């Protein structure tokens, strides 16, 4: 943002040349109208203002309502959003942000702020010129932009060239050491080790996918039974399963993920709601109660050590407390 000539102009998450990734071009959720408008907007310079009335003018352009429809389509898909920016100097301005690739963070933020009185996403400028999203509960989160790899790079100094030193004979280079050739047995052993490592990695990935699918499938059925049928975006189930998979990959258990989903009481929680729920079930955050916050109690939550672990329908009860995670997702039956 610090490099923009216009603080209310568009921020673009894209290199300065128009390069659209194949995943965006082949995204069947985008109409050709929205895809073409996205490419045109990405070709503008940072600081340019996105206005439907201006985009609708000129030969070969579509009407203002058609442009607005395409912008809403890009907004839902995670390519475009309207921002209310609080700058470091204390001023607040309205602007837009674009991304050449669909950002799941923007999709989730749209679901959060589209239900607010002001649907613009509030962002706060940081000391280094980046922005953080301010959520309704006051917490801050990433705005989805990748860091600029050249932000800290300084231009070369314009020093006067030094007088070339007198030519000297370069020292003789030491003889190169030859790498010993691997024998056929060593090559075979290395190939076998690589194949075993690849197989192990594939097995771990398959196990992680299966675990995420198990939790997601259970929660989707449980949520429809207790919260009603889901009426959000088309890929809500896939987005929720992806959030569960990332949590499992980060070290959370199936039990903790299922308990966190129950705490959110949403088919597809936002990123902030999901992180908060995981903090509650892992005792990093004290849960809020109608009568105020109360200290966490293992006994009140999990029962005595001798109690049988809770089970979900269709599960086989475990015989010991140590294998309770294998029997359930850690879901505690609630009235």
Protein backbone atom coordinates (compact mmCIF):
# COMPACT_ATOMS: atom_id res chain seq x y z
CA UNK A 1 0.00 0.00 0.00
CA UNK A 2 2.86 2.39 0.72
CA UNK A 3 3.82 2.25 -2.97
CA UNK A 4 0.38 3.27 -4.26
CA UNK A 5 0.01 6.77 -5.66
CA UNK A 6 -3.68 6.72 -4.69
CA UNK A 7 -4.57 5.32 -1.22
CA UNK A 8 -8.15 4.68 -2.36
CA UNK A 9 -7.08 2.84 -5.51
CA UNK A 10 -7.10 -0.85 -6.29
CA UNK A 11 -4.65 -3.25 -4.59
CA UNK A 12 -3.64 -6.11 -6.90
CA UNK A 13 -2.33 -9.48 -5.73
CA UNK A 14 -0.63 -10.12 -9.08
CA UNK A 15 2.71 -9.39 -10.85
CA UNK A 16 2.82 -6.31 -13.08
CA UNK A 17 2.25 -8.33 -16.27
CA UNK A 18 -1.05 -10.03 -17.02
CA UNK A 19 -0.51 -13.69 -16.23
CA UNK A 20 -3.63 -15.68 -15.38
CA UNK A 21 -3.07 -19.11 -13.90
CA UNK A 22 -4.75 -22.09 -15.54
CA UNK A 23 -6.81 -22.81 -12.41
CA UNK A 24 -8.49 -19.40 -12.77
CA UNK A 25 -9.07 -19.73 -16.52
CA UNK A 26 -10.62 -23.20 -16.11
CA UNK A 27 -12.73 -22.29 -13.07
CA UNK A 28 -16.25 -23.30 -14.17
CA UNK A 29 -17.77 -21.17 -11.41
CA UNK A 30 -16.74 -18.04 -13.35
CA UNK A 31 -18.70 -16.92 -16.40
CA UNK A 32 -16.79 -15.75 -19.45
CA UNK A 33 -18.01 -12.21 -18.72
CA UNK A 34 -16.53 -12.29 -15.19
CA UNK A 35 -13.30 -13.91 -16.39
CA UNK A 36 -12.81 -11.28 -19.10
CA UNK A 37 -13.50 -8.45 -16.66
CA UNK A 38 -10.98 -9.95 -14.20
CA UNK A 39 -8.24 -10.04 -16.86
CA UNK A 40 -8.98 -6.42 -17.82
CA UNK A 41 -8.80 -5.25 -14.20
CA UNK A 42 -5.54 -7.11 -13.56
CA UNK A 43 -4.02 -5.22 -16.51
CA UNK A 44 -4.53 -1.87 -14.72
CA UNK A 45 -1.89 -0.22 -12.55
CA UNK A 46 -2.13 -0.17 -8.77
CA UNK A 47 -3.94 2.96 -7.64
CA UNK A 48 -6.50 2.71 -10.46
CA UNK A 49 -10.10 2.95 -9.17
CA UNK A 50 -12.66 0.29 -10.09
CA UNK A 51 -15.98 1.96 -10.95
CA UNK A 52 -18.84 0.11 -12.67
CA UNK A 53 -20.02 3.27 -14.41
CA UNK A 54 -16.58 3.90 -15.91
CA UNK A 55 -16.15 0.25 -16.96
CA UNK A 56 -19.50 0.32 -18.78
CA UNK A 57 -18.48 3.24 -21.02
CA UNK A 58 -16.76 2.90 -24.37
CA UNK A 59 -17.19 0.90 -27.56
CA UNK A 60 -17.86 -2.80 -27.07
CA UNK A 61 -18.55 -2.44 -23.33
CA UNK A 62 -21.53 -3.87 -21.47
CA UNK A 63 -24.02 -2.01 -19.32
CA UNK A 64 -23.45 -0.90 -15.74
CA UNK A 65 -25.69 -3.60 -14.25
CA UNK A 66 -23.87 -6.30 -16.25
CA UNK A 67 -20.55 -5.01 -14.88
CA UNK A 68 -21.91 -5.00 -11.32
CA UNK A 69 -23.17 -8.57 -11.74
CA UNK A 70 -19.72 -9.68 -12.93
CA UNK A 71 -18.04 -7.92 -9.99
CA UNK A 72 -20.37 -9.67 -7.53
CA UNK A 73 -19.52 -12.98 -9.19
CA UNK A 74 -15.79 -12.28 -8.78
CA UNK A 75 -16.41 -11.28 -5.16
CA UNK A 76 -18.13 -14.57 -4.30
CA UNK A 77 -15.37 -16.55 -6.05
CA UNK A 78 -12.56 -14.86 -4.07
CA UNK A 79 -11.07 -12.64 -6.81
CA UNK A 80 -12.42 -9.19 -5.86
CA UNK A 81 -13.61 -7.31 -2.80
CA UNK A 82 -14.46 -3.83 -1.54
CA UNK A 83 -12.30 -2.62 1.37
CA UNK A 84 -12.69 0.08 4.01
CA UNK A 85 -9.04 0.98 4.72
CA UNK A 86 -7.80 2.62 7.89
CA UNK A 87 -4.44 4.15 7.03
CA UNK A 88 -1.49 4.76 9.32
CA UNK A 89 -2.19 8.51 9.28
CA UNK A 90 -5.65 7.89 10.79
CA UNK A 91 -7.66 8.49 7.62
CA UNK A 92 -10.25 6.00 6.33
CA UNK A 93 -10.75 5.48 2.58
CA UNK A 94 -12.70 3.06 0.39
CA UNK A 95 -10.87 0.94 -2.18
CA UNK A 96 -10.92 -2.40 -3.95
CA UNK A 97 -8.62 -5.42 -3.99
CA UNK A 98 -8.02 -7.96 -6.78
CA UNK A 99 -6.40 -11.37 -6.91
CA UNK A 100 -5.39 -13.29 -10.02
CA UNK A 101 -5.92 -16.55 -8.14
CA UNK A 102 -9.05 -17.38 -6.10
CA UNK A 103 -8.33 -16.85 -2.38
CA UNK A 104 -10.29 -19.04 0.04
CA UNK A 105 -9.56 -16.43 2.73
CA UNK A 106 -11.49 -13.84 0.69
CA UNK A 107 -14.37 -16.31 0.17
CA UNK A 108 -14.66 -16.87 3.93
CA UNK A 109 -14.32 -13.14 4.66
CA UNK A 110 -17.11 -12.42 2.15
CA UNK A 111 -19.40 -14.84 4.00
CA UNK A 112 -18.64 -13.04 7.27
CA UNK A 113 -18.96 -9.42 6.15
CA UNK A 114 -21.74 -9.82 3.55
CA UNK A 115 -24.15 -10.30 6.46
CA UNK A 116 -22.95 -7.14 8.23
CA UNK A 117 -24.59 -3.72 7.94
CA UNK A 118 -21.50 -2.50 6.06
CA UNK A 119 -20.41 -5.31 3.66
CA UNK A 120 -17.02 -3.67 2.95
CA UNK A 121 -14.11 -5.61 4.49
CA UNK A 122 -12.35 -3.41 7.11
CA UNK A 123 -8.56 -3.56 6.80
CA UNK A 124 -5.92 -1.76 8.89
CA UNK A 125 -2.58 -0.63 7.45
CA UNK A 126 0.50 -1.85 9.32
CA UNK A 127 3.87 -0.15 9.78
CA UNK A 128 5.40 -2.12 6.89
CA UNK A 129 2.60 -1.07 4.49
CA UNK A 130 0.72 -4.39 4.60
CA UNK A 131 -2.87 -4.78 5.78
CA UNK A 132 -4.70 -6.96 8.31
CA UNK A 133 -8.44 -7.69 8.31
CA UNK A 134 -10.36 -6.57 11.42
CA UNK A 135 -13.15 -9.06 12.21
CA UNK A 136 -16.43 -8.18 13.99
CA UNK A 137 -15.10 -9.58 17.29
CA UNK A 138 -12.12 -7.19 17.14
CA UNK A 139 -9.49 -9.79 16.19
CA UNK A 140 -7.06 -9.26 13.31
CA UNK A 141 -6.29 -11.73 10.52
CA UNK A 142 -4.38 -12.02 7.25
CA UNK A 143 -5.70 -10.17 4.22
CA UNK A 144 -4.60 -13.02 1.91
CA UNK A 145 -1.87 -11.05 0.10
CA UNK A 146 1.46 -12.76 -0.45
CA UNK A 147 4.48 -10.80 0.90
CA UNK A 148 6.45 -8.83 -1.68
CA UNK A 149 9.80 -10.65 -2.12
CA UNK A 150 11.44 -7.38 -3.23
CA UNK A 151 10.04 -5.14 -0.49
CA UNK A 152 13.28 -5.01 1.51
CA UNK A 153 15.59 -4.89 -1.48
CA UNK A 154 17.61 -1.65 -1.76
CA UNK A 155 18.67 -0.22 -5.12
CA UNK A 156 22.39 -0.41 -5.89
CA UNK A 157 24.42 2.62 -4.76
CA UNK A 158 25.68 4.99 -7.44
CA UNK A 159 29.30 4.94 -6.25
CA UNK A 160 32.05 6.04 -8.58
CA UNK A 161 33.90 3.09 -10.08
CA UNK A 162 37.19 2.34 -8.43
CA UNK A 163 40.45 2.29 -10.30
CA UNK A 164 41.10 -1.26 -11.47
CA UNK A 165 43.91 -2.87 -9.53
CA UNK A 166 47.00 -4.03 -11.30
CA UNK A 167 46.49 -7.37 -12.92
CA UNK A 168 47.95 -10.21 -10.93
CA UNK A 169 48.41 -13.79 -11.81
CA UNK A 170 45.48 -15.72 -10.37
CA UNK A 171 46.47 -18.47 -7.96
CA UNK A 172 46.43 -21.91 -9.34
CA UNK A 173 43.12 -23.63 -8.76
CA UNK A 174 43.33 -26.72 -6.59
CA UNK A 175 42.68 -29.94 -8.43
CA UNK A 176 39.06 -30.99 -8.41
CA UNK A 177 38.21 -33.98 -6.32
CA UNK A 178 36.41 -36.62 -8.22
CA UNK A 179 33.29 -37.98 -6.66
CA UNK A 180 33.55 -41.74 -6.32
CA UNK A 181 31.22 -43.55 -8.63
CA UNK A 182 28.31 -45.32 -7.06
CA UNK A 183 28.13 -49.03 -7.53
CA UNK A 184 25.08 -50.73 -8.92
CA UNK A 185 24.20 -51.96 -5.44
CA UNK A 186 24.40 -48.42 -4.02
CA UNK A 187 22.18 -47.09 -6.82
CA UNK A 188 19.64 -49.81 -6.21
CA UNK A 189 19.67 -49.11 -2.47
CA UNK A 190 19.17 -45.36 -3.05
CA UNK A 191 16.32 -45.98 -5.50
CA UNK A 192 14.66 -48.35 -3.04
CA UNK A 193 14.98 -45.79 -0.23
CA UNK A 194 13.43 -43.07 -2.42
CA UNK A 195 10.59 -45.38 -3.44
CA UNK A 196 9.93 -46.32 0.19
CA UNK A 197 9.90 -42.65 1.23
CA UNK A 198 7.48 -41.77 -1.60
CA UNK A 199 5.22 -44.68 -0.67
CA UNK A 200 5.22 -43.65 2.99
CA UNK A 201 4.38 -40.07 2.07
CA UNK A 202 1.50 -41.26 -0.14
CA UNK A 203 0.18 -43.45 2.67
CA UNK A 204 0.31 -40.56 5.14
CA UNK A 205 -1.53 -38.32 2.68
CA UNK A 206 -4.19 -40.97 2.07
CA UNK A 207 -4.64 -41.49 5.81
CA UNK A 208 -4.95 -37.74 6.37
CA UNK A 209 -7.51 -37.42 3.56
CA UNK A 210 -9.52 -40.35 4.93
CA UNK A 211 -9.49 -38.91 8.46
CA UNK A 212 -10.65 -35.48 7.21
CA UNK A 213 -13.38 -37.08 5.10
CA UNK A 214 -14.59 -39.10 8.09
CA UNK A 215 -14.93 -36.03 10.32
CA UNK A 216 -16.45 -33.89 7.54
CA UNK A 217 -19.01 -36.52 6.54
CA UNK A 218 -20.08 -36.99 10.16
CA UNK A 219 -20.39 -33.25 10.81
CA UNK A 220 -22.35 -32.54 7.63
CA UNK A 221 -24.99 -35.11 8.57
CA UNK A 222 -24.98 -34.02 12.22
CA UNK A 223 -25.33 -30.33 11.30
CA UNK A 224 -28.21 -30.93 8.89
CA UNK A 225 -30.01 -32.89 11.60
CA UNK A 226 -29.57 -30.23 14.32
CA UNK A 227 -29.13 -26.96 12.37
CA UNK A 228 -31.14 -27.60 9.20
CA UNK A 229 -30.10 -28.03 5.58
CA UNK A 230 -27.10 -26.01 4.37
CA UNK A 231 -27.94 -23.07 2.09
CA UNK A 232 -24.50 -21.49 1.59
CA UNK A 233 -22.13 -21.63 -1.36
CA UNK A 234 -21.97 -24.72 -3.57
CA UNK A 235 -18.59 -25.95 -2.35
CA UNK A 236 -19.34 -25.45 1.36
CA UNK A 237 -18.72 -29.11 2.17
CA UNK A 238 -15.34 -29.13 0.40
CA UNK A 239 -14.28 -25.91 2.14
CA UNK A 240 -15.22 -27.34 5.54
CA UNK A 241 -13.38 -30.58 4.82
CA UNK A 242 -10.30 -28.60 3.77
CA UNK A 243 -10.36 -26.69 7.08
CA UNK A 244 -10.54 -30.00 8.98
CA UNK A 245 -7.68 -31.45 6.95
CA UNK A 246 -5.43 -28.47 7.70
CA UNK A 247 -6.22 -28.82 11.40
CA UNK A 248 -5.37 -32.54 11.33
CA UNK A 249 -2.17 -31.77 9.44
CA UNK A 250 -1.27 -29.20 12.14
CA UNK A 251 -1.53 -31.87 14.85
CA UNK A 252 -5.13 -31.62 16.07
CA UNK A 253 -6.96 -34.92 16.56
CA UNK A 254 -10.21 -36.02 14.95
CA UNK A 255 -11.80 -35.78 18.39
CA UNK A 256 -10.73 -32.13 18.79
CA UNK A 257 -11.87 -31.22 15.27
CA UNK A 258 -15.32 -32.72 15.79
CA UNK A 259 -15.70 -31.00 19.17
CA UNK A 260 -14.60 -27.68 17.62
CA UNK A 261 -17.19 -28.02 14.84
CA UNK A 262 -19.89 -28.59 17.44
CA UNK A 263 -18.78 -25.46 19.31
CA UNK A 264 -19.06 -23.27 16.19
CA UNK A 265 -22.65 -24.42 15.53
CA UNK A 266 -22.18 -23.59 11.83
CA UNK A 267 -22.04 -25.85 8.79
CA UNK A 268 -19.05 -23.88 7.50
CA UNK A 269 -17.42 -21.68 10.17
CA UNK A 270 -15.26 -18.72 9.26
CA UNK A 271 -11.49 -18.97 9.69
CA UNK A 272 -11.64 -16.94 12.91
CA UNK A 273 -14.52 -19.00 14.35
CA UNK A 274 -12.70 -22.22 13.50
CA UNK A 275 -9.44 -21.10 15.14
CA UNK A 276 -11.30 -19.92 18.25
CA UNK A 277 -13.19 -23.21 18.56
CA UNK A 278 -9.96 -25.19 18.28
CA UNK A 279 -8.47 -23.00 21.01
CA UNK A 280 -11.44 -23.75 23.26
CA UNK A 281 -11.31 -27.54 22.86
CA UNK A 282 -7.53 -27.60 23.46
CA UNK A 283 -7.86 -25.47 26.62
CA UNK A 284 -5.98 -22.50 25.13
CA UNK A 285 -9.12 -20.35 25.37
CA UNK A 286 -11.64 -20.34 28.23
CA UNK A 287 -15.12 -20.77 26.69
CA UNK A 288 -17.65 -17.98 27.14
CA UNK A 289 -20.70 -18.76 29.27
CA UNK A 290 -23.98 -16.81 29.71
CA UNK A 291 -22.99 -16.15 33.34
CA UNK A 292 -19.42 -15.17 32.54
CA UNK A 293 -16.22 -17.11 31.93
CA UNK A 294 -15.59 -20.12 34.10
CA UNK A 295 -12.38 -22.07 34.66
CA UNK A 296 -11.93 -25.14 32.53
CA UNK A 297 -12.55 -28.50 34.24
CA UNK A 298 -11.39 -31.83 32.84
CA UNK A 299 -13.87 -33.66 35.05
CA UNK A 300 -16.84 -31.53 33.93
CA UNK A 301 -15.91 -31.92 30.28
CA UNK A 302 -14.63 -35.48 29.94
CA UNK A 303 -15.97 -37.18 33.11
CA UNK A 304 -14.01 -39.49 35.36
CA UNK A 305 -11.15 -41.52 33.89
CA UNK A 306 -13.15 -44.67 34.49
CA UNK A 307 -16.09 -43.46 32.40
CA UNK A 308 -16.52 -45.02 28.99
CA UNK A 309 -15.63 -42.64 26.13
CA UNK A 310 -18.55 -41.08 24.25
CA UNK A 311 -19.48 -42.64 20.95
CA UNK A 312 -21.31 -41.53 17.84
CA UNK A 313 -24.04 -43.63 16.17
CA UNK A 314 -22.56 -46.68 14.46
CA UNK A 315 -19.33 -46.66 16.48
CA UNK A 316 -18.14 -49.62 18.49
CA UNK A 317 -17.40 -48.60 22.12
CA UNK A 318 -13.74 -48.85 23.07
CA UNK A 319 -12.60 -51.14 25.85
CA UNK A 320 -9.92 -48.81 27.21
CA UNK A 321 -9.50 -45.06 27.65
CA UNK A 322 -6.31 -45.05 25.57
CA UNK A 323 -8.03 -45.98 22.32
CA UNK A 324 -11.00 -43.62 22.71
CA UNK A 325 -9.67 -41.35 19.94
CA UNK A 326 -9.88 -44.26 17.55
CA UNK A 327 -13.51 -44.94 18.43
CA UNK A 328 -14.94 -41.39 18.21
CA UNK A 329 -14.04 -37.88 17.14
CA UNK A 330 -14.20 -36.62 20.69
CA UNK A 331 -17.82 -35.58 20.34
CA UNK A 332 -19.60 -35.16 23.65
CA UNK A 333 -23.33 -35.75 23.50
CA UNK A 334 -25.18 -32.60 24.47
CA UNK A 335 -28.88 -32.32 25.38
